[in-house]
Every structure is written in C-alpha cells, then in structure tokens.
Amino acid sequence: MLGYSGGPDSKALLYALLEGGVVPHLAHVDHGWREESREEAVLLEEEAKSLGCPFFSTRLEMTEKKEDGARKARLSFFSSLMGNYEALLLAHQADDLAETVLKRILEGAHLANLSGMQPASSQYGMMIWRPLLNVRRSEILHFLEERGLTPIIDPSNSDPTYLRSRMRREIFPFLNECFGKETTENLVLMSQRIHEYKEYLDRQIGRVSIQRGPWGVWALLNGLEKIEQRHFLQKIAREESLLLSREILETLIKWVNSGEKSKVLVVKTKKIFVDEGRVWFFSLHTKD
C-alpha cells in the first residue's frame, strides 16, 4: 500500500512502481486544512481508478495545523488499513531526510537519536518502506517533467509558518551558500552512520541482564561505558513510557558510576532507585 498525497514525491513513486509492473493500493489522507483539498481527493480517486489502483481515503477535519499531529493522524489511518498488506510505502526522499537530521541536531537530540528515517522501519505495528531516501528532490522533479506528470502542490509547503518550509526555502540555501557546496548529501550520510552507531549500541546493551517483575524492572549497569549506560537508560525509560530529561539522565549516570547508595528520583508515575550501580524502575501505586 502506498501513502499517496498526489504531491511530487508520492506521484513519482506511484508512476515508478507502475513502470516496474507493480499496481499499488493507494491510501490518501485529507487533513481538512484547505477548502480545495476536498476536490483534490476526488481528483486523486479518479486518477487511481483510471490506473486500476484501489483507493482508500479519509478526511480528518483537523482544527490545528501541527506537523506532528498530522503525521500521527496519517500513520494511524494507514495502520487501520494494514491487515491485508505486507508494508506501507512512503515517498520521503533525501532532502526530507537531511531536513530531519539537521532539525534533530539543532534541537539537541541525543547522539543515537540523530539519524532520521530509515529505508525500512516499524511503526504503529506496521512495516514502513521508504525506497526514495537516497533520491534528491531535483531528480524527482526531473522524473515528473520527463513524463509530463503534474503533481498537486500544497501551498502550505511554502508557508514560512512551518519549520520544514523555512528549512527548505531559507536555511538550506543559506548553508549551501556559506559552505560553498551542497550539505544535503553529507547529512544523509550522517544519518546512515548514526544508525549504524545506534545498532552497535543496541548490541552492546543487549548483554545486560534485565530483571522484570510486577513491581518494575532493574539492571546492573557496572561494566558499561557511560555512552552505553546512557543508551540503556533511555531504552528502558521508553519501554516504561518515560521521557528522561538530560538533567535526570546525567544525574542517574553520575550516581551509577560513583557507587552511590539508596538514591531516589521520582519521574511521573515511576520511582527510579539507584544503589551501587544497580538501577530500578518502580511503578508508583496510588490508593483511591
């Protein structure tokens, strides 16, 4: 199944698949942000019918134009359709990936989290394939022009209200001018290398014995390097539905490596207990 907006990227992927003899099922999400989007959905359905592609769509009527909320809503809809499909195809390309990496760098993401989207990943219980991640936007536009294909252009992609638009129209051109060369390919390469680094850390912390019980989880972190401890604590925190601030994370690592005894932090619904290199994540139970 292909997530299809009718924009340049998804249209190029659709017709590349058709040229390769693959007739995908299409899934379209209309966020309801623009009046004309309702008519565009009708046009996309007509296009799908003419190509012999089964078509599914929904209109969300989202009142707030927030990128993160829109992404989650799209993935939720795609996930609801995935019972009969091996994977969801998305048309993110190299420029999208570079924008994601730069955004995470400047937001101060942890090193292992700097890599962006991967060619194959799993979200919302479904496999996601992104076959265009090494293809530049300019190549996609050339592909469409050669075939006389006209994509739908969403004006919000040029709206400076959105960070993605400012990165595309202002920040990347500025960086390229300052460095005297294209920065996109280096950021794409960085994403690949960081992903390799993350896989390495996953293997390293995989040797840590995790004890689980009805009261929570605990593990002994002595013997791990600080960078491995940091990665391990973040992993366990995610599994426990916690987001550890940088301050809390570094405090826990300091306690572990200094052999502190009976140190406690409370984070939302969890009590984190550190004692001589051991770290416990306890659930807090409240009485009615």
C-alpha atoms as a PDB file:
ATOM      1  CA  MET A   1       0.000   0.000   0.000  1.00  0.00           C
ATOM      2  CA  LEU A   2       1.286   3.464  -0.933  1.00  0.00           C
ATOM      3  CA  GLY A   3       0.595   6.581   1.113  1.00  0.00           C
ATOM      4  CA  TYR A   4      -0.496   8.910  -1.688  1.00  0.00           C
ATOM      5  CA  SER A   5      -0.913  12.672  -1.448  1.00  0.00           C
ATOM      6  CA  GLY A   6      -0.576  13.389  -5.146  1.00  0.00           C
ATOM      7  CA  GLY A   7       2.405  15.629  -4.392  1.00  0.00           C
ATOM      8  CA  PRO A   8       5.669  15.384  -6.350  1.00  0.00           C
ATOM      9  CA  ASP A   9       7.261  12.661  -4.230  1.00  0.00           C
ATOM     10  CA  SER A  10       4.339  10.238  -3.923  1.00  0.00           C
ATOM     11  CA  LYS A  11       3.329  10.781  -7.549  1.00  0.00           C
ATOM     12  CA  ALA A  12       6.851   9.943  -8.710  1.00  0.00           C
ATOM     13  CA  LEU A  13       6.890   6.802  -6.570  1.00  0.00           C
ATOM     14  CA  LEU A  14       3.467   5.727  -7.853  1.00  0.00           C
ATOM     15  CA  TYR A  15       4.454   6.008 -11.516  1.00  0.00           C
ATOM     16  CA  ALA A  16       7.860   4.427 -10.910  1.00  0.00           C
ATOM     17  CA  LEU A  17       6.038   1.433  -9.392  1.00  0.00           C
ATOM     18  CA  LEU A  18       3.643   1.279 -12.331  1.00  0.00           C
ATOM     19  CA  GLU A  19       6.557   1.348 -14.775  1.00  0.00           C
ATOM     20  CA  GLY A  20       8.044  -1.556 -12.830  1.00  0.00           C
ATOM     21  CA  GLY A  21       4.858  -3.573 -13.238  1.00  0.00           C
ATOM     22  CA  VAL A  22       3.568  -3.003  -9.687  1.00  0.00           C
ATOM     23  CA  VAL A  23       0.000  -1.756  -9.232  1.00  0.00           C
ATOM     24  CA  PRO A  24      -0.191  -0.485  -5.641  1.00  0.00           C
ATOM     25  CA  HIS A  25      -3.221   0.167  -3.496  1.00  0.00           C
ATOM     26  CA  LEU A  26      -3.368   3.869  -2.572  1.00  0.00           C
ATOM     27  CA  ALA A  27      -4.219   5.460   0.782  1.00  0.00           C
ATOM     28  CA  HIS A  28      -4.886   9.206   0.928  1.00  0.00           C
ATOM     29  CA  VAL A  29      -5.310  11.466   3.964  1.00  0.00           C
ATOM     30  CA  ASP A  30      -7.024  14.844   3.601  1.00  0.00           C
ATOM     31  CA  HIS A  31      -6.233  16.838   6.736  1.00  0.00           C
ATOM     32  CA  GLY A  32      -9.065  19.250   6.054  1.00  0.00           C
ATOM     33  CA  TRP A  33      -6.827  22.290   6.305  1.00  0.00           C
ATOM     34  CA  ARG A  34      -7.686  23.702   2.885  1.00  0.00           C
ATOM     35  CA  GLU A  35     -11.016  24.057   1.085  1.00  0.00           C
ATOM     36  CA  GLU A  36      -9.561  22.793  -2.195  1.00  0.00           C
ATOM     37  CA  SER A  37      -8.223  19.615  -0.586  1.00  0.00           C
ATOM     38  CA  ARG A  38     -11.692  18.021  -0.776  1.00  0.00           C
ATOM     39  CA  GLU A  39     -11.720  18.471  -4.568  1.00  0.00           C
ATOM     40  CA  GLU A  40      -8.127  17.212  -4.782  1.00  0.00           C
ATOM     41  CA  ALA A  41      -9.132  13.998  -3.027  1.00  0.00           C
ATOM     42  CA  VAL A  42     -11.815  13.447  -5.670  1.00  0.00           C
ATOM     43  CA  LEU A  43      -9.266  14.002  -8.454  1.00  0.00           C
ATOM     44  CA  LEU A  44      -6.863  11.539  -6.848  1.00  0.00           C
ATOM     45  CA  GLU A  45      -9.607   8.938  -6.607  1.00  0.00           C
ATOM     46  CA  GLU A  46     -10.382   9.419 -10.306  1.00  0.00           C
ATOM     47  CA  GLU A  47      -6.679   9.094 -11.126  1.00  0.00           C
ATOM     48  CA  ALA A  48      -6.435   5.876  -9.095  1.00  0.00           C
ATOM     49  CA  LYS A  49      -9.481   4.443 -10.875  1.00  0.00           C
ATOM     50  CA  SER A  50      -8.002   5.241 -14.302  1.00  0.00           C
ATOM     51  CA  LEU A  51      -4.761   3.472 -13.294  1.00  0.00           C
ATOM     52  CA  GLY A  52      -6.533   0.454 -11.816  1.00  0.00           C
ATOM     53  CA  CYS A  53      -5.282   1.185  -8.293  1.00  0.00           C
ATOM     54  CA  PRO A  54      -7.658   0.519  -5.364  1.00  0.00           C
ATOM     55  CA  PHE A  55      -8.101   3.763  -3.435  1.00  0.00           C
ATOM     56  CA  PHE A  56      -8.814   4.482   0.232  1.00  0.00           C
ATOM     57  CA  SER A  57      -9.177   7.944   1.741  1.00  0.00           C
ATOM     58  CA  THR A  58     -10.247   9.817   4.840  1.00  0.00           C
ATOM     59  CA  ARG A  59     -10.817  13.455   5.765  1.00  0.00           C
ATOM     60  CA  LEU A  60      -9.640  14.393   9.238  1.00  0.00           C
ATOM     61  CA  GLU A  61     -11.033  17.914   9.717  1.00  0.00           C
ATOM     62  CA  MET A  62      -8.039  18.854  11.872  1.00  0.00           C
ATOM     63  CA  THR A  63      -8.548  22.241  13.510  1.00  0.00           C
ATOM     64  CA  GLU A  64      -4.872  22.841  14.373  1.00  0.00           C
ATOM     65  CA  LYS A  65      -2.170  22.871  11.725  1.00  0.00           C
ATOM     66  CA  LYS A  66       0.502  20.975  13.645  1.00  0.00           C
ATOM     67  CA  GLU A  67       3.012  18.841  11.757  1.00  0.00           C
ATOM     68  CA  ASP A  68       3.484  16.221  14.484  1.00  0.00           C
ATOM     69  CA  GLY A  69      -0.244  15.779  14.967  1.00  0.00           C
ATOM     70  CA  ALA A  70      -0.787  15.448  11.225  1.00  0.00           C
ATOM     71  CA  ARG A  71       1.933  12.804  10.932  1.00  0.00           C
ATOM     72  CA  LYS A  72       0.458  10.738  13.763  1.00  0.00           C
ATOM     73  CA  ALA A  73      -3.034  11.002  12.266  1.00  0.00           C
ATOM     74  CA  ARG A  74      -1.761   9.822   8.869  1.00  0.00           C
ATOM     75  CA  LEU A  75       0.088   6.849  10.334  1.00  0.00           C
ATOM     76  CA  SER A  76      -2.932   5.908  12.434  1.00  0.00           C
ATOM     77  CA  PHE A  77      -5.140   5.831   9.324  1.00  0.00           C
ATOM     78  CA  PHE A  78      -2.586   3.840   7.337  1.00  0.00           C
ATOM     79  CA  SER A  79      -2.252   1.390  10.230  1.00  0.00           C
ATOM     80  CA  SER A  80      -6.028   0.824  10.240  1.00  0.00           C
ATOM     81  CA  LEU A  81      -5.786  -0.442   6.639  1.00  0.00           C
ATOM     82  CA  MET A  82      -2.739  -2.672   7.006  1.00  0.00           C
ATOM     83  CA  GLY A  83      -4.419  -6.008   7.716  1.00  0.00           C
ATOM     84  CA  ASN A  84      -4.004  -7.246   4.143  1.00  0.00           C
ATOM     85  CA  TYR A  85      -0.682  -5.608   3.239  1.00  0.00           C
ATOM     86  CA  GLU A  86       2.948  -6.511   3.781  1.00  0.00           C
ATOM     87  CA  ALA A  87       4.136  -2.922   4.209  1.00  0.00           C
ATOM     88  CA  LEU A  88       3.305   0.748   3.798  1.00  0.00           C
ATOM     89  CA  LEU A  89       5.280   2.600   1.131  1.00  0.00           C
ATOM     90  CA  LEU A  90       6.084   6.259   1.826  1.00  0.00           C
ATOM     91  CA  ALA A  91       7.794   8.639  -0.577  1.00  0.00           C
ATOM     92  CA  HIS A  92      10.167  10.514   1.750  1.00  0.00           C
ATOM     93  CA  GLN A  93      13.323  11.409  -0.135  1.00  0.00           C
ATOM     94  CA  ALA A  94      16.888  12.550   0.564  1.00  0.00           C
ATOM     95  CA  ASP A  95      16.049  16.210   1.134  1.00  0.00           C
ATOM     96  CA  ASP A  96      13.391  15.231   3.689  1.00  0.00           C
ATOM     97  CA  LEU A  97      15.950  13.061   5.478  1.00  0.00           C
ATOM     98  CA  ALA A  98      18.549  15.844   5.555  1.00  0.00           C
ATOM     99  CA  GLU A  99      15.989  18.256   6.990  1.00  0.00           C
ATOM    100  CA  THR A 100      15.107  15.770   9.745  1.00  0.00           C
ATOM    101  CA  VAL A 101      18.758  15.240  10.706  1.00  0.00           C
ATOM    102  CA  LEU A 102      19.548  18.967  10.825  1.00  0.00           C
ATOM    103  CA  LYS A 103      16.395  19.631  12.865  1.00  0.00           C
ATOM    104  CA  ARG A 104      17.395  16.985  15.423  1.00  0.00           C
ATOM    105  CA  ILE A 105      20.958  18.308  15.661  1.00  0.00           C
ATOM    106  CA  LEU A 106      19.790  21.846  16.371  1.00  0.00           C
ATOM    107  CA  GLU A 107      17.116  20.653  18.825  1.00  0.00           C
ATOM    108  CA  GLY A 108      19.826  18.914  20.859  1.00  0.00           C
ATOM    109  CA  ALA A 109      18.744  15.305  20.351  1.00  0.00           C
ATOM    110  CA  HIS A 110      20.913  12.604  21.905  1.00  0.00           C
ATOM    111  CA  LEU A 111      23.625  11.303  19.604  1.00  0.00           C
ATOM    112  CA  ALA A 112      21.997   7.909  18.974  1.00  0.00           C
ATOM    113  CA  ASN A 113      18.744   9.676  18.034  1.00  0.00           C
ATOM    114  CA  LEU A 114      20.199  11.981  15.381  1.00  0.00           C
ATOM    115  CA  SER A 115      19.579   9.608  12.491  1.00  0.00           C
ATOM    116  CA  GLY A 116      16.373  10.224  10.644  1.00  0.00           C
ATOM    117  CA  MET A 117      14.063   7.938   8.720  1.00  0.00           C
ATOM    118  CA  GLN A 118      15.308   4.540   7.582  1.00  0.00           C
ATOM    119  CA  PRO A 119      14.566   2.673   4.327  1.00  0.00           C
ATOM    120  CA  ALA A 120      12.778   0.022   6.406  1.00  0.00           C
ATOM    121  CA  SER A 121      11.293   0.522   9.861  1.00  0.00           C
ATOM    122  CA  SER A 122       8.319  -0.409  12.008  1.00  0.00           C
ATOM    123  CA  GLN A 123       5.745   1.974  13.473  1.00  0.00           C
ATOM    124  CA  TYR A 124       2.198   1.560  14.736  1.00  0.00           C
ATOM    125  CA  GLY A 125       2.601  -2.192  14.306  1.00  0.00           C
ATOM    126  CA  MET A 126       3.285  -1.977  10.563  1.00  0.00           C
ATOM    127  CA  MET A 127       6.334  -2.228   8.331  1.00  0.00           C
ATOM    128  CA  ILE A 128       7.212   1.013   6.530  1.00  0.00           C
ATOM    129  CA  TRP A 129       9.373   1.082   3.403  1.00  0.00           C
ATOM    130  CA  ARG A 130      10.881   4.309   2.067  1.00  0.00           C
ATOM    131  CA  PRO A 131      12.537   3.439  -1.266  1.00  0.00           C
ATOM    132  CA  LEU A 132      13.355   7.050  -2.258  1.00  0.00           C
ATOM    133  CA  LEU A 133      15.536   8.042   0.711  1.00  0.00           C
ATOM    134  CA  ASN A 134      18.662   8.303  -1.440  1.00  0.00           C
ATOM    135  CA  VAL A 135      16.910  10.206  -4.246  1.00  0.00           C
ATOM    136  CA  ARG A 136      17.168  14.008  -4.365  1.00  0.00           C
ATOM    137  CA  ARG A 137      14.133  16.236  -4.815  1.00  0.00           C
ATOM    138  CA  SER A 138      15.620  17.604  -8.043  1.00  0.00           C
ATOM    139  CA  GLU A 139      15.756  14.067  -9.506  1.00  0.00           C
ATOM    140  CA  ILE A 140      12.116  13.511  -8.623  1.00  0.00           C
ATOM    141  CA  LEU A 141      11.023  16.724 -10.307  1.00  0.00           C
ATOM    142  CA  HIS A 142      13.031  15.745 -13.398  1.00  0.00           C
ATOM    143  CA  PHE A 143      11.317  12.336 -13.437  1.00  0.00           C
ATOM    144  CA  LEU A 144       7.892  14.003 -13.386  1.00  0.00           C
ATOM    145  CA  GLU A 145       8.806  16.573 -16.033  1.00  0.00           C
ATOM    146  CA  GLU A 146      10.104  13.904 -18.417  1.00  0.00           C
ATOM    147  CA  ARG A 147       6.767  12.090 -18.215  1.00  0.00           C
ATOM    148  CA  GLY A 148       4.551  15.148 -18.312  1.00  0.00           C
ATOM    149  CA  LEU A 149       3.112  14.386 -14.877  1.00  0.00           C
ATOM    150  CA  THR A 150       1.602  17.266 -12.906  1.00  0.00           C
ATOM    151  CA  PRO A 151       1.633  16.827  -9.124  1.00  0.00           C
ATOM    152  CA  ILE A 152      -0.616  18.547  -6.627  1.00  0.00           C
ATOM    153  CA  ILE A 153       1.246  21.416  -4.971  1.00  0.00           C
ATOM    154  CA  ASP A 154       0.209  22.043  -1.385  1.00  0.00           C
ATOM    155  CA  PRO A 155       0.711  25.781  -0.697  1.00  0.00           C
ATOM    156  CA  SER A 156       1.433  25.009   2.958  1.00  0.00           C
ATOM    157  CA  ASN A 157       4.771  23.553   1.810  1.00  0.00           C
ATOM    158  CA  SER A 158       5.789  27.135   1.001  1.00  0.00           C
ATOM    159  CA  ASP A 159       4.238  28.678   4.106  1.00  0.00           C
ATOM    160  CA  PRO A 160       7.019  30.110   6.345  1.00  0.00           C
ATOM    161  CA  THR A 161       4.795  29.385   9.342  1.00  0.00           C
ATOM    162  CA  TYR A 162       6.073  25.818   9.153  1.00  0.00           C
ATOM    163  CA  LEU A 163       9.642  24.959  10.071  1.00  0.00           C
ATOM    164  CA  ARG A 164      10.001  22.468   7.209  1.00  0.00           C
ATOM    165  CA  SER A 165       9.166  25.210   4.734  1.00  0.00           C
ATOM    166  CA  ARG A 166      11.686  27.630   6.259  1.00  0.00           C
ATOM    167  CA  MET A 167      14.382  24.955   6.194  1.00  0.00           C
ATOM    168  CA  ARG A 168      13.683  24.206   2.536  1.00  0.00           C
ATOM    169  CA  ARG A 169      13.417  27.787   1.311  1.00  0.00           C
ATOM    170  CA  GLU A 170      15.790  29.658   3.638  1.00  0.00           C
ATOM    171  CA  ILE A 171      18.047  27.583   5.898  1.00  0.00           C
ATOM    172  CA  PHE A 172      19.446  25.040   3.429  1.00  0.00           C
ATOM    173  CA  PRO A 173      20.108  27.592   0.658  1.00  0.00           C
ATOM    174  CA  PHE A 174      21.886  29.749   3.258  1.00  0.00           C
ATOM    175  CA  LEU A 175      24.019  26.827   4.482  1.00  0.00           C
ATOM    176  CA  ASN A 176      24.900  25.769   0.949  1.00  0.00           C
ATOM    177  CA  GLU A 177      25.970  29.316   0.125  1.00  0.00           C
ATOM    178  CA  CYS A 178      28.046  29.631   3.302  1.00  0.00           C
ATOM    179  CA  PHE A 179      29.853  26.300   2.807  1.00  0.00           C
ATOM    180  CA  GLY A 180      30.102  26.665  -0.949  1.00  0.00           C
ATOM    181  CA  LYS A 181      28.699  23.173  -1.517  1.00  0.00           C
ATOM    182  CA  GLU A 182      25.606  21.034  -1.062  1.00  0.00           C
ATOM    183  CA  THR A 183      25.075  19.961   2.541  1.00  0.00           C
ATOM    184  CA  THR A 184      22.211  17.550   1.923  1.00  0.00           C
ATOM    185  CA  GLU A 185      24.267  14.518   0.901  1.00  0.00           C
ATOM    186  CA  ASN A 186      26.554  14.856   3.941  1.00  0.00           C
ATOM    187  CA  LEU A 187      23.559  14.947   6.270  1.00  0.00           C
ATOM    188  CA  VAL A 188      22.084  11.879   4.566  1.00  0.00           C
ATOM    189  CA  LEU A 189      25.410  10.087   5.033  1.00  0.00           C
ATOM    190  CA  MET A 190      25.486  11.195   8.665  1.00  0.00           C
ATOM    191  CA  SER A 191      22.040   9.659   9.181  1.00  0.00           C
ATOM    192  CA  GLN A 192      23.291   6.334   7.836  1.00  0.00           C
ATOM    193  CA  ARG A 193      26.398   6.367  10.051  1.00  0.00           C
ATOM    194  CA  ILE A 194      24.439   7.330  13.171  1.00  0.00           C
ATOM    195  CA  HIS A 195      22.021   4.487  12.505  1.00  0.00           C
ATOM    196  CA  GLU A 196      24.975   2.067  12.360  1.00  0.00           C
ATOM    197  CA  TYR A 197      26.193   3.529  15.649  1.00  0.00           C
ATOM    198  CA  LYS A 198      22.761   3.040  17.237  1.00  0.00           C
ATOM    199  CA  GLU A 199      22.649  -0.584  16.086  1.00  0.00           C
ATOM    200  CA  TYR A 200      26.094  -1.092  17.647  1.00  0.00           C
ATOM    201  CA  LEU A 201      24.907   0.332  20.982  1.00  0.00           C
ATOM    202  CA  ASP A 202      21.812  -1.866  20.843  1.00  0.00           C
ATOM    203  CA  ARG A 203      24.070  -4.907  20.510  1.00  0.00           C
ATOM    204  CA  GLN A 204      26.309  -3.722  23.353  1.00  0.00           C
ATOM    205  CA  ILE A 205      23.486  -3.187  25.829  1.00  0.00           C
ATOM    206  CA  GLY A 206      21.855  -6.429  24.718  1.00  0.00           C
ATOM    207  CA  ARG A 207      24.269  -8.279  27.010  1.00  0.00           C
ATOM    208  CA  VAL A 208      22.849  -6.543  30.106  1.00  0.00           C
ATOM    209  CA  SER A 209      20.606  -8.809  32.152  1.00  0.00           C
ATOM    210  CA  ILE A 210      17.267  -7.122  32.837  1.00  0.00           C
ATOM    211  CA  GLN A 211      15.188  -8.427  35.718  1.00  0.00           C
ATOM    212  CA  ARG A 212      11.446  -7.871  35.457  1.00  0.00           C
ATOM    213  CA  GLY A 213       8.709  -8.291  37.991  1.00  0.00           C
ATOM    214  CA  PRO A 214       5.260  -6.966  38.925  1.00  0.00           C
ATOM    215  CA  TRP A 215       6.951  -4.110  40.788  1.00  0.00           C
ATOM    216  CA  GLY A 216       9.049  -2.933  37.830  1.00  0.00           C
ATOM    217  CA  VAL A 217      12.458  -3.634  36.278  1.00  0.00           C
ATOM    218  CA  TRP A 218      16.088  -3.447  37.393  1.00  0.00           C
ATOM    219  CA  ALA A 219      19.562  -3.983  35.950  1.00  0.00           C
ATOM    220  CA  LEU A 220      23.195  -3.743  36.990  1.00  0.00           C
ATOM    221  CA  LEU A 221      24.995  -1.138  34.873  1.00  0.00           C
ATOM    222  CA  ASN A 222      28.506  -1.575  36.269  1.00  0.00           C
ATOM    223  CA  GLY A 223      30.907  -2.521  33.490  1.00  0.00           C
ATOM    224  CA  LEU A 224      29.175  -0.461  30.829  1.00  0.00           C
ATOM    225  CA  GLU A 225      30.757   2.645  29.336  1.00  0.00           C
ATOM    226  CA  LYS A 226      28.934   5.893  30.035  1.00  0.00           C
ATOM    227  CA  ILE A 227      27.696   6.096  26.458  1.00  0.00           C
ATOM    228  CA  GLU A 228      26.271   2.581  26.802  1.00  0.00           C
ATOM    229  CA  GLN A 229      24.668   3.402  30.157  1.00  0.00           C
ATOM    230  CA  ARG A 230      23.020   6.446  28.634  1.00  0.00           C
ATOM    231  CA  HIS A 231      21.645   4.415  25.744  1.00  0.00           C
ATOM    232  CA  PHE A 232      20.434   1.661  28.069  1.00  0.00           C
ATOM    233  CA  LEU A 233      18.626   4.048  30.428  1.00  0.00           C
ATOM    234  CA  GLN A 234      16.915   5.776  27.512  1.00  0.00           C
ATOM    235  CA  LYS A 235      15.795   2.422  26.133  1.00  0.00           C
ATOM    236  CA  ILE A 236      14.324   1.256  29.451  1.00  0.00           C
ATOM    237  CA  ALA A 237      12.691   4.647  30.012  1.00  0.00           C
ATOM    238  CA  ARG A 238      10.948   4.409  26.624  1.00  0.00           C
ATOM    239  CA  GLU A 239       9.724   0.914  27.473  1.00  0.00           C
ATOM    240  CA  GLU A 240       8.377   2.317  30.750  1.00  0.00           C
ATOM    241  CA  SER A 241       6.671   5.209  28.886  1.00  0.00           C
ATOM    242  CA  LEU A 242       9.018   7.777  30.402  1.00  0.00           C
ATOM    243  CA  LEU A 243      10.884  10.659  28.844  1.00  0.00           C
ATOM    244  CA  LEU A 244      14.056  11.382  30.813  1.00  0.00           C
ATOM    245  CA  SER A 245      15.330  14.932  30.644  1.00  0.00           C
ATOM    246  CA  ARG A 246      19.031  15.416  30.010  1.00  0.00           C
ATOM    247  CA  GLU A 247      19.486  16.594  33.611  1.00  0.00           C
ATOM    248  CA  ILE A 248      17.826  13.493  35.073  1.00  0.00           C
ATOM    249  CA  LEU A 249      19.689  11.145  32.738  1.00  0.00           C
ATOM    250  CA  GLU A 250      23.087  12.586  33.610  1.00  0.00           C
ATOM    251  CA  THR A 251      22.247  12.520  37.329  1.00  0.00           C
ATOM    252  CA  LEU A 252      21.437   8.788  37.128  1.00  0.00           C
ATOM    253  CA  ILE A 253      24.687   8.079  35.268  1.00  0.00           C
ATOM    254  CA  LYS A 254      26.672  10.068  37.847  1.00  0.00           C
ATOM    255  CA  TRP A 255      25.114   8.060  40.695  1.00  0.00           C
ATOM    256  CA  VAL A 256      25.803   4.751  38.950  1.00  0.00           C
ATOM    257  CA  ASN A 257      29.464   5.489  38.333  1.00  0.00           C
ATOM    258  CA  SER A 258      30.185   6.977  41.747  1.00  0.00           C
ATOM    259  CA  GLY A 259      28.675   3.947  43.527  1.00  0.00           C
ATOM    260  CA  GLU A 260      26.010   5.997  45.292  1.00  0.00           C
ATOM    261  CA  LYS A 261      23.682   4.132  47.649  1.00  0.00           C
ATOM    262  CA  SER A 262      19.915   4.459  48.048  1.00  0.00           C
ATOM    263  CA  LYS A 263      19.470   7.447  45.715  1.00  0.00           C
ATOM    264  CA  VAL A 264      15.916   8.091  44.510  1.00  0.00           C
ATOM    265  CA  LEU A 265      14.272  10.164  41.787  1.00  0.00           C
ATOM    266  CA  VAL A 266      10.547  10.302  41.044  1.00  0.00           C
ATOM    267  CA  VAL A 267       9.581  10.865  37.414  1.00  0.00           C
ATOM    268  CA  LYS A 268       5.836  10.965  36.749  1.00  0.00           C
ATOM    269  CA  THR A 269       4.468   7.501  37.610  1.00  0.00           C
ATOM    270  CA  LYS A 270       7.864   5.885  38.273  1.00  0.00           C
ATOM    271  CA  LYS A 271      10.356   5.863  41.123  1.00  0.00           C
ATOM    272  CA  ILE A 272      13.937   5.406  39.920  1.00  0.00           C
ATOM    273  CA  PHE A 273      16.197   3.920  42.590  1.00  0.00           C
ATOM    274  CA  VAL A 274      19.999   3.717  42.256  1.00  0.00           C
ATOM    275  CA  ASP A 275      22.161   1.628  44.575  1.00  0.00           C
ATOM    276  CA  GLU A 276      25.804   0.665  43.939  1.00  0.00           C
ATOM    277  CA  GLY A 277      25.471   0.511  40.170  1.00  0.00           C
ATOM    278  CA  ARG A 278      22.002  -1.038  40.120  1.00  0.00           C
ATOM    279  CA  VAL A 279      19.077   0.900  38.698  1.00  0.00           C
ATOM    280  CA  TRP A 280      15.445   0.077  39.494  1.00  0.00           C
ATOM    281  CA  PHE A 281      12.367   1.483  37.786  1.00  0.00           C
ATOM    282  CA  PHE A 282       9.490   1.048  40.265  1.00  0.00           C
ATOM    283  CA  SER A 283       5.842   1.718  39.458  1.00  0.00           C
ATOM    284  CA  LEU A 284       4.142   4.110  41.849  1.00  0.00           C
ATOM    285  CA  HIS A 285       0.823   2.733  43.100  1.00  0.00           C
ATOM    286  CA  THR A 286      -1.699   5.220  44.422  1.00  0.00           C
ATOM    287  CA  LYS A 287      -4.618   4.375  46.670  1.00  0.00           C
ATOM    288  CA  ASP A 288      -8.115   5.502  45.816  1.00  0.00           C
END
